[in-house]
């Protein structure tokens, strides 16, 4: 697959130019527009505010996690770890809404915060990786052809870029926990030579999990700081989901995970040698769910450690996969109430919450989202707006 970048080459900028933080985008799915309107805007407007406190926050994070063999100072987060936000999907479940609002993908839907500022779904994922972003900002990988959810990461390493400890976040997943708490969990794994996989899960009832989620077969209590990973079950039958429950809940797999440098080196070496065990189909050659499962299964062979001992799970209390319009409304309504804003600078977080209070409402028990420049619209406009997935979309 041909990987194109919108930025200078490493030779032009020095090896630090492509360190740390990346967004994967697709030429087919508005990649260049999203790169310019979302990623460049994030780098120019949000990142400078984040970086005012980045080093101090990073130092506190490392102190809480415990400095170790890989991460011992803030610079190590940028130099020794790659953070990828995956944003190359087509957003097929979101297509009608995105096209109703304009020429957008779900991760680039613009919520107007101020006259000169929009906020997007992708901003939440990029901000989750704020500790890994260097002064040069988030780097963009724009793929010209699909190769699967893990494809851009595989191609990045196959191209000869240094293989590092790798943290991955889906661009349409939002987390209610502070990034520092999430990354403390990953730093502990990175600094432990016997940990090669770490995942973030969320509690869901067996009834819901059986219909919607991949379920983690976990050992421990849902209230533990970390659980052990025994295996995976993709949308299991209800009866199986009940058996997999921990304290009455399934641990649903979210789109945030870690694979160690050493395990990634083994995986990439196999792929270079012509062995691909993470293929989903002939189009999606490299799938991130298959990659995590495969690495987990190979821990005994690769590192002489049991799969259970080599993989940890952190359970979060608030998470949303914003892949459908109804989920977008739920997320936006939660933002209106002040959730999901921990990772933004305080002033921007306040602006976002205020804007969402103006644009996310229930009118006669009918959910609606206002995408127009003016937040003040009539009840008639709301009632007459197009209804998508139970939400009136005012444009």
Protein backbone atom coordinates (compact mmCIF):
# COMPACT_ATOMS: atom_id res chain seq x y z
CA UNK A 1 0.00 0.00 0.00
CA UNK A 2 1.25 3.48 -0.81
CA UNK A 3 1.53 5.66 2.30
CA UNK A 4 1.49 9.40 1.69
CA UNK A 5 2.32 12.07 4.27
CA UNK A 6 1.34 15.70 4.39
CA UNK A 7 4.48 17.03 6.07
CA UNK A 8 8.22 17.07 5.55
CA UNK A 9 10.31 13.93 5.38
CA UNK A 10 12.42 12.78 8.34
CA UNK A 11 15.54 13.84 6.41
CA UNK A 12 14.12 17.34 6.04
CA UNK A 13 13.06 17.70 9.66
CA UNK A 14 15.34 15.31 11.54
CA UNK A 15 14.34 11.96 12.98
CA UNK A 16 12.17 13.59 15.63
CA UNK A 17 9.72 14.81 12.98
CA UNK A 18 7.75 11.58 12.87
CA UNK A 19 8.05 10.52 16.47
CA UNK A 20 5.30 9.80 18.90
CA UNK A 21 1.85 10.65 17.61
CA UNK A 22 0.00 9.80 14.40
CA UNK A 23 -3.47 9.94 12.87
CA UNK A 24 -4.29 7.43 10.15
CA UNK A 25 -6.57 8.73 7.40
CA UNK A 26 -7.89 7.48 4.07
CA UNK A 27 -7.62 9.21 0.71
CA UNK A 28 -10.96 7.63 -0.15
CA UNK A 29 -12.71 8.81 3.01
CA UNK A 30 -11.97 12.56 2.92
CA UNK A 31 -8.47 12.06 4.30
CA UNK A 32 -6.95 15.26 2.94
CA UNK A 33 -9.91 17.39 4.00
CA UNK A 34 -9.81 15.93 7.50
CA UNK A 35 -6.03 16.43 7.62
CA UNK A 36 -6.39 20.12 6.81
CA UNK A 37 -9.59 20.97 8.67
CA UNK A 38 -9.22 18.80 11.77
CA UNK A 39 -5.63 17.66 12.34
CA UNK A 40 -3.92 20.88 11.23
CA UNK A 41 -6.43 22.91 13.21
CA UNK A 42 -5.79 20.75 16.27
CA UNK A 43 -2.03 21.24 15.86
CA UNK A 44 -2.45 24.99 15.43
CA UNK A 45 -5.09 25.83 18.03
CA UNK A 46 -5.59 23.09 20.63
CA UNK A 47 -2.09 21.65 20.91
CA UNK A 48 -0.36 24.93 21.93
CA UNK A 49 -2.75 25.16 24.88
CA UNK A 50 -2.16 21.52 25.83
CA UNK A 51 1.60 21.94 25.67
CA UNK A 52 1.60 24.74 28.24
CA UNK A 53 1.18 22.09 30.95
CA UNK A 54 2.27 18.96 29.05
CA UNK A 55 5.67 18.42 30.70
CA UNK A 56 4.38 18.93 34.24
CA UNK A 57 1.42 16.62 33.62
CA UNK A 58 3.70 14.03 32.04
CA UNK A 59 6.04 14.13 35.03
CA UNK A 60 3.12 13.57 37.41
CA UNK A 61 1.86 10.71 35.23
CA UNK A 62 5.25 8.97 35.29
CA UNK A 63 5.59 9.46 39.04
CA UNK A 64 2.16 7.87 39.58
CA UNK A 65 2.95 4.97 37.22
CA UNK A 66 6.43 4.40 38.59
CA UNK A 67 9.45 5.18 36.46
CA UNK A 68 11.01 2.08 34.94
CA UNK A 69 13.06 0.46 32.23
CA UNK A 70 11.53 2.39 29.30
CA UNK A 71 9.66 5.42 30.62
CA UNK A 72 11.46 7.46 33.27
CA UNK A 73 11.06 11.07 32.08
CA UNK A 74 8.46 13.04 30.06
CA UNK A 75 10.56 12.98 26.88
CA UNK A 76 10.43 9.17 26.89
CA UNK A 77 6.70 9.26 26.23
CA UNK A 78 7.40 11.01 22.93
CA UNK A 79 10.65 9.28 21.99
CA UNK A 80 9.94 5.65 22.94
CA UNK A 81 6.18 5.22 22.32
CA UNK A 82 4.03 5.60 19.22
CA UNK A 83 0.42 6.69 19.72
CA UNK A 84 -1.90 6.06 16.76
CA UNK A 85 -5.43 7.47 16.44
CA UNK A 86 -7.24 5.38 13.81
CA UNK A 87 -9.41 7.60 11.64
CA UNK A 88 -9.38 6.01 8.18
CA UNK A 89 -12.73 4.22 8.32
CA UNK A 90 -15.62 4.90 5.98
CA UNK A 91 -18.16 5.54 8.74
CA UNK A 92 -20.85 3.65 6.82
CA UNK A 93 -23.29 3.63 9.77
CA UNK A 94 -22.89 7.40 9.95
CA UNK A 95 -23.05 8.13 6.24
CA UNK A 96 -26.58 9.56 6.06
CA UNK A 97 -25.99 11.94 8.95
CA UNK A 98 -22.60 13.08 7.66
CA UNK A 99 -23.96 13.77 4.20
CA UNK A 100 -26.98 15.60 5.65
CA UNK A 101 -24.71 17.99 7.54
CA UNK A 102 -22.32 18.37 4.60
CA UNK A 103 -19.28 16.72 3.07
CA UNK A 104 -18.04 15.12 6.28
CA UNK A 105 -16.92 11.85 7.79
CA UNK A 106 -18.18 11.06 11.30
CA UNK A 107 -14.85 11.99 12.89
CA UNK A 108 -14.89 15.42 11.21
CA UNK A 109 -18.46 16.55 11.93
CA UNK A 110 -18.05 20.18 13.03
CA UNK A 111 -19.63 21.33 16.30
CA UNK A 112 -19.21 25.11 16.39
CA UNK A 113 -17.65 26.14 19.70
CA UNK A 114 -16.71 29.73 18.90
CA UNK A 115 -16.62 31.97 15.84
CA UNK A 116 -13.19 30.73 14.92
CA UNK A 117 -13.26 27.27 16.45
CA UNK A 118 -14.99 23.96 15.76
CA UNK A 119 -14.65 20.77 17.76
CA UNK A 120 -14.67 17.33 16.14
CA UNK A 121 -14.91 13.73 17.21
CA UNK A 122 -11.29 13.17 16.22
CA UNK A 123 -10.16 15.93 18.58
CA UNK A 124 -11.21 13.76 21.52
CA UNK A 125 -9.06 10.83 20.35
CA UNK A 126 -6.05 13.03 19.57
CA UNK A 127 -6.32 14.69 22.98
CA UNK A 128 -6.29 11.24 24.62
CA UNK A 129 -2.74 10.93 23.27
CA UNK A 130 -1.63 14.37 24.43
CA UNK A 131 1.37 13.06 26.40
CA UNK A 132 2.92 11.58 23.25
CA UNK A 133 2.64 14.62 20.96
CA UNK A 134 5.89 16.44 20.22
CA UNK A 135 6.25 20.10 19.37
CA UNK A 136 5.85 19.28 15.68
CA UNK A 137 2.29 18.14 16.38
CA UNK A 138 0.28 15.10 15.33
CA UNK A 139 1.63 13.48 12.16
CA UNK A 140 -0.70 12.36 9.38
CA UNK A 141 -0.60 9.07 7.50
CA UNK A 142 -2.97 9.21 4.52
CA UNK A 143 -3.47 5.82 2.87
CA UNK A 144 -4.37 5.67 -0.81
CA UNK A 145 -5.81 2.16 -0.55
CA UNK A 146 -7.49 0.21 2.27
CA UNK A 147 -5.56 -2.49 4.11
CA UNK A 148 -7.56 -2.98 7.31
CA UNK A 149 -7.87 -1.25 10.67
CA UNK A 150 -4.28 -2.13 11.61
CA UNK A 151 -2.93 -1.70 8.10
CA UNK A 152 -1.47 1.78 8.39
CA UNK A 153 0.45 0.80 11.53
CA UNK A 154 1.83 -2.33 9.87
CA UNK A 155 2.79 -0.34 6.77
CA UNK A 156 4.44 2.33 8.91
CA UNK A 157 6.72 -0.29 10.47
CA UNK A 158 7.25 -2.23 7.24
CA UNK A 159 8.49 1.02 5.68
CA UNK A 160 11.46 0.94 8.05
CA UNK A 161 10.31 3.37 10.72
CA UNK A 162 11.57 2.40 14.21
CA UNK A 163 9.30 -0.12 15.92
CA UNK A 164 8.27 1.16 19.33
CA UNK A 165 5.87 0.38 22.13
CA UNK A 166 2.55 1.09 20.45
CA UNK A 167 -0.65 2.54 21.90
CA UNK A 168 -3.71 2.62 19.63
CA UNK A 169 -7.01 4.52 20.00
CA UNK A 170 -9.99 4.34 17.63
CA UNK A 171 -10.88 7.79 16.39
CA UNK A 172 -14.59 7.43 17.12
CA UNK A 173 -14.20 6.13 20.68
CA UNK A 174 -14.51 8.53 23.61
CA UNK A 175 -13.50 7.88 27.20
CA UNK A 176 -14.80 9.51 30.35
CA UNK A 177 -11.56 8.94 32.25
CA UNK A 178 -8.62 11.31 32.36
CA UNK A 179 -5.90 10.59 29.82
CA UNK A 180 -3.38 10.57 32.68
CA UNK A 181 -5.21 7.68 34.37
CA UNK A 182 -5.42 5.73 31.13
CA UNK A 183 -1.80 6.31 30.21
CA UNK A 184 -0.61 5.46 33.73
CA UNK A 185 -2.04 2.00 33.06
CA UNK A 186 -0.13 1.73 29.78
CA UNK A 187 3.13 3.11 31.21
CA UNK A 188 3.03 0.42 33.90
CA UNK A 189 2.70 -2.19 31.14
CA UNK A 190 5.45 -0.60 29.04
CA UNK A 191 7.83 -0.61 32.00
CA UNK A 192 7.09 -4.25 32.85
CA UNK A 193 9.15 -6.65 30.68
CA UNK A 194 6.54 -9.39 31.20
CA UNK A 195 3.60 -7.35 29.85
CA UNK A 196 3.07 -7.34 26.10
CA UNK A 197 -0.64 -6.61 25.68
CA UNK A 198 -2.86 -4.18 27.58
CA UNK A 199 -6.47 -3.34 26.76
CA UNK A 200 -9.17 -1.04 28.06
CA UNK A 201 -12.60 -2.55 28.68
CA UNK A 202 -15.95 -1.31 29.92
CA UNK A 203 -18.70 -3.08 31.83
CA UNK A 204 -21.82 -3.96 29.86
CA UNK A 205 -24.70 -6.29 30.63
CA UNK A 206 -24.57 -9.73 28.95
CA UNK A 207 -27.76 -8.86 27.06
CA UNK A 208 -26.16 -5.79 25.47
CA UNK A 209 -22.69 -7.29 25.05
CA UNK A 210 -24.02 -10.32 23.17
CA UNK A 211 -25.55 -8.01 20.55
CA UNK A 212 -22.92 -5.32 20.15
CA UNK A 213 -19.46 -6.03 21.51
CA UNK A 214 -16.42 -8.20 21.55
CA UNK A 215 -16.14 -9.56 25.08
CA UNK A 216 -12.91 -10.00 27.03
CA UNK A 217 -12.63 -13.22 29.02
CA UNK A 218 -11.26 -11.62 32.17
CA UNK A 219 -9.94 -12.90 35.48
CA UNK A 220 -10.46 -10.76 38.56
CA UNK A 221 -13.05 -8.37 39.96
CA UNK A 222 -14.48 -5.49 37.99
CA UNK A 223 -13.37 -3.21 40.85
CA UNK A 224 -9.72 -4.30 40.60
CA UNK A 225 -7.21 -1.81 39.26
CA UNK A 226 -6.28 -4.35 36.58
CA UNK A 227 -7.71 -7.67 35.42
CA UNK A 228 -5.99 -10.52 33.58
CA UNK A 229 -6.88 -11.40 30.01
CA UNK A 230 -7.66 -15.06 29.35
CA UNK A 231 -9.20 -14.75 25.88
CA UNK A 232 -11.67 -13.09 23.50
CA UNK A 233 -15.21 -13.78 22.33
CA UNK A 234 -16.73 -11.72 19.51
CA UNK A 235 -20.43 -10.96 20.15
CA UNK A 236 -20.95 -14.24 22.00
CA UNK A 237 -24.38 -15.90 22.33
CA UNK A 238 -26.22 -14.65 25.39
CA UNK A 239 -25.67 -17.89 27.30
CA UNK A 240 -21.91 -17.66 26.71
CA UNK A 241 -21.91 -13.97 27.62
CA UNK A 242 -23.47 -14.80 30.97
CA UNK A 243 -20.70 -17.32 31.64
CA UNK A 244 -18.06 -14.73 30.76
CA UNK A 245 -19.51 -12.11 33.11
CA UNK A 246 -17.36 -10.63 35.87
CA UNK A 247 -19.39 -9.52 38.88
CA UNK A 248 -22.51 -9.74 36.70
CA UNK A 249 -21.09 -7.71 33.80
CA UNK A 250 -19.23 -8.52 30.64
CA UNK A 251 -16.00 -6.66 29.95
CA UNK A 252 -16.64 -5.22 26.50
CA UNK A 253 -13.55 -4.49 24.42
CA UNK A 254 -13.04 -0.81 23.58
CA UNK A 255 -10.84 0.65 20.88
CA UNK A 256 -7.87 1.51 23.11
CA UNK A 257 -4.99 -0.95 23.51
CA UNK A 258 -1.23 -1.47 23.72
CA UNK A 259 1.21 -3.90 22.10
CA UNK A 260 4.81 -4.01 23.31
CA UNK A 261 7.76 -3.12 21.12
CA UNK A 262 9.08 -6.67 21.45
CA UNK A 263 5.77 -8.27 20.41
CA UNK A 264 5.39 -5.81 17.55
CA UNK A 265 8.87 -6.69 16.32
CA UNK A 266 7.90 -10.38 16.27
CA UNK A 267 4.65 -9.64 14.42
CA UNK A 268 6.30 -7.42 11.81
CA UNK A 269 9.09 -9.95 11.29
CA UNK A 270 6.49 -12.63 10.49
CA UNK A 271 4.70 -10.35 8.05
CA UNK A 272 8.00 -9.44 6.37
CA UNK A 273 8.66 -13.15 6.05
CA UNK A 274 5.36 -13.66 4.23
CA UNK A 275 3.28 -14.93 7.17
CA UNK A 276 0.14 -12.87 7.85
CA UNK A 277 -1.95 -14.24 10.72
CA UNK A 278 -3.99 -11.08 11.29
CA UNK A 279 -5.88 -10.98 7.98
CA UNK A 280 -9.62 -10.32 8.13
CA UNK A 281 -10.40 -10.71 4.43
CA UNK A 282 -8.82 -9.99 1.05
CA UNK A 283 -9.34 -6.24 1.46
CA UNK A 284 -8.65 -5.90 5.19
CA UNK A 285 -5.28 -7.61 5.26
CA UNK A 286 -4.33 -6.33 8.70
CA UNK A 287 -7.02 -6.16 11.37
CA UNK A 288 -6.33 -4.70 14.82
CA UNK A 289 -8.66 -7.07 16.67
CA UNK A 290 -6.97 -10.05 15.02
CA UNK A 291 -3.56 -8.53 15.76
CA UNK A 292 -4.24 -8.25 19.49
CA UNK A 293 -5.72 -11.76 19.64
CA UNK A 294 -2.79 -13.23 17.72
CA UNK A 295 -0.13 -11.50 19.80
CA UNK A 296 -1.91 -12.64 22.97
CA UNK A 297 -1.95 -16.24 21.73
CA UNK A 298 1.78 -16.17 20.88
CA UNK A 299 3.09 -14.91 24.24
CA UNK A 300 4.04 -18.42 25.47
CA UNK A 301 6.00 -19.16 22.30
CA UNK A 302 7.58 -15.74 21.85
CA UNK A 303 8.38 -14.83 25.45
CA UNK A 304 7.93 -17.99 27.52
CA UNK A 305 5.15 -16.35 29.50
CA UNK A 306 1.52 -17.40 29.80
CA UNK A 307 -1.00 -15.40 27.82
CA UNK A 308 -2.88 -14.64 31.04
CA UNK A 309 0.16 -13.20 32.79
CA UNK A 310 1.31 -11.24 29.76
CA UNK A 311 -1.88 -9.22 29.20
CA UNK A 312 -3.76 -6.80 31.48
CA UNK A 313 -7.14 -5.08 31.28
CA UNK A 314 -8.21 -1.75 32.72
CA UNK A 315 -11.96 -1.26 33.19
CA UNK A 316 -13.35 2.24 32.71
CA UNK A 317 -16.74 3.44 33.86
CA UNK A 318 -17.67 5.75 30.98
CA UNK A 319 -17.05 5.07 27.29
CA UNK A 320 -18.94 5.47 24.05
CA UNK A 321 -18.42 4.10 20.56
CA UNK A 322 -19.83 7.01 18.58
CA UNK A 323 -20.46 5.00 15.44
CA UNK A 324 -24.16 5.74 15.01
CA UNK A 325 -26.27 8.94 15.16
CA UNK A 326 -28.08 7.82 18.32
CA UNK A 327 -24.71 7.22 20.01
CA UNK A 328 -23.59 10.68 18.84
CA UNK A 329 -26.60 12.23 20.52
CA UNK A 330 -25.92 10.34 23.75
CA UNK A 331 -22.29 11.43 23.67
CA UNK A 332 -23.18 15.04 22.89
CA UNK A 333 -25.76 15.08 25.67
CA UNK A 334 -23.09 13.79 28.07
CA UNK A 335 -20.69 16.54 26.93
CA UNK A 336 -23.46 19.03 27.65
CA UNK A 337 -23.44 17.70 31.20
CA UNK A 338 -19.66 18.09 31.47
CA UNK A 339 -18.44 14.57 30.68
CA UNK A 340 -15.57 13.61 28.33
CA UNK A 341 -13.84 16.99 28.75
CA UNK A 342 -11.08 16.15 31.25
CA UNK A 343 -8.31 16.12 28.66
CA UNK A 344 -8.86 19.54 27.12
CA UNK A 345 -7.41 22.75 28.53
CA UNK A 346 -9.85 24.18 31.09
CA UNK A 347 -10.95 27.22 29.08
CA UNK A 348 -11.60 25.17 25.94
CA UNK A 349 -13.44 22.50 27.95
CA UNK A 350 -15.74 25.21 29.30
CA UNK A 351 -16.33 26.60 25.80
CA UNK A 352 -17.15 23.12 24.46
CA UNK A 353 -19.60 22.39 27.26
CA UNK A 354 -21.30 25.77 26.83
CA UNK A 355 -21.64 25.27 23.08
CA UNK A 356 -23.13 21.80 23.52
CA UNK A 357 -25.61 23.15 26.06
CA UNK A 358 -26.86 25.48 23.35
CA UNK A 359 -27.01 22.87 20.59
CA UNK A 360 -28.09 19.62 22.23
CA UNK A 361 -31.65 19.63 23.49
CA UNK A 362 -34.81 17.66 24.01
CA UNK A 363 -37.78 19.38 22.39
CA UNK A 364 -41.08 17.81 23.34
CA UNK A 365 -39.09 14.68 24.26
CA UNK A 366 -37.53 14.66 20.79
CA UNK A 367 -33.70 14.59 20.75
CA UNK A 368 -32.11 17.02 18.32
CA UNK A 369 -28.68 18.34 17.42
CA UNK A 370 -28.19 21.81 15.95
CA UNK A 371 -25.46 22.05 13.32
CA UNK A 372 -26.36 25.50 11.98
CA UNK A 373 -24.17 28.53 12.61
CA UNK A 374 -26.89 29.98 14.78
CA UNK A 375 -27.79 27.95 17.85
CA UNK A 376 -31.09 29.82 18.17
CA UNK A 377 -33.61 28.06 15.97
CA UNK A 378 -37.36 27.81 16.23
CA UNK A 379 -39.37 24.87 17.48
CA UNK A 380 -40.82 24.60 13.98
CA UNK A 381 -37.35 24.22 12.46
CA UNK A 382 -36.51 21.53 14.97
CA UNK A 383 -39.76 19.67 14.46
CA UNK A 384 -39.36 19.82 10.68
CA UNK A 385 -35.73 18.74 10.62
CA UNK A 386 -34.64 15.47 9.10
CA UNK A 387 -34.82 12.59 11.57
CA UNK A 388 -31.92 10.15 11.47
CA UNK A 389 -31.76 7.23 13.89
CA UNK A 390 -34.28 8.92 16.19
CA UNK A 391 -32.46 12.28 16.26
CA UNK A 392 -33.64 15.46 14.51
CA UNK A 393 -30.70 17.02 12.66
CA UNK A 394 -31.01 20.78 12.29
CA UNK A 395 -28.78 22.11 9.51
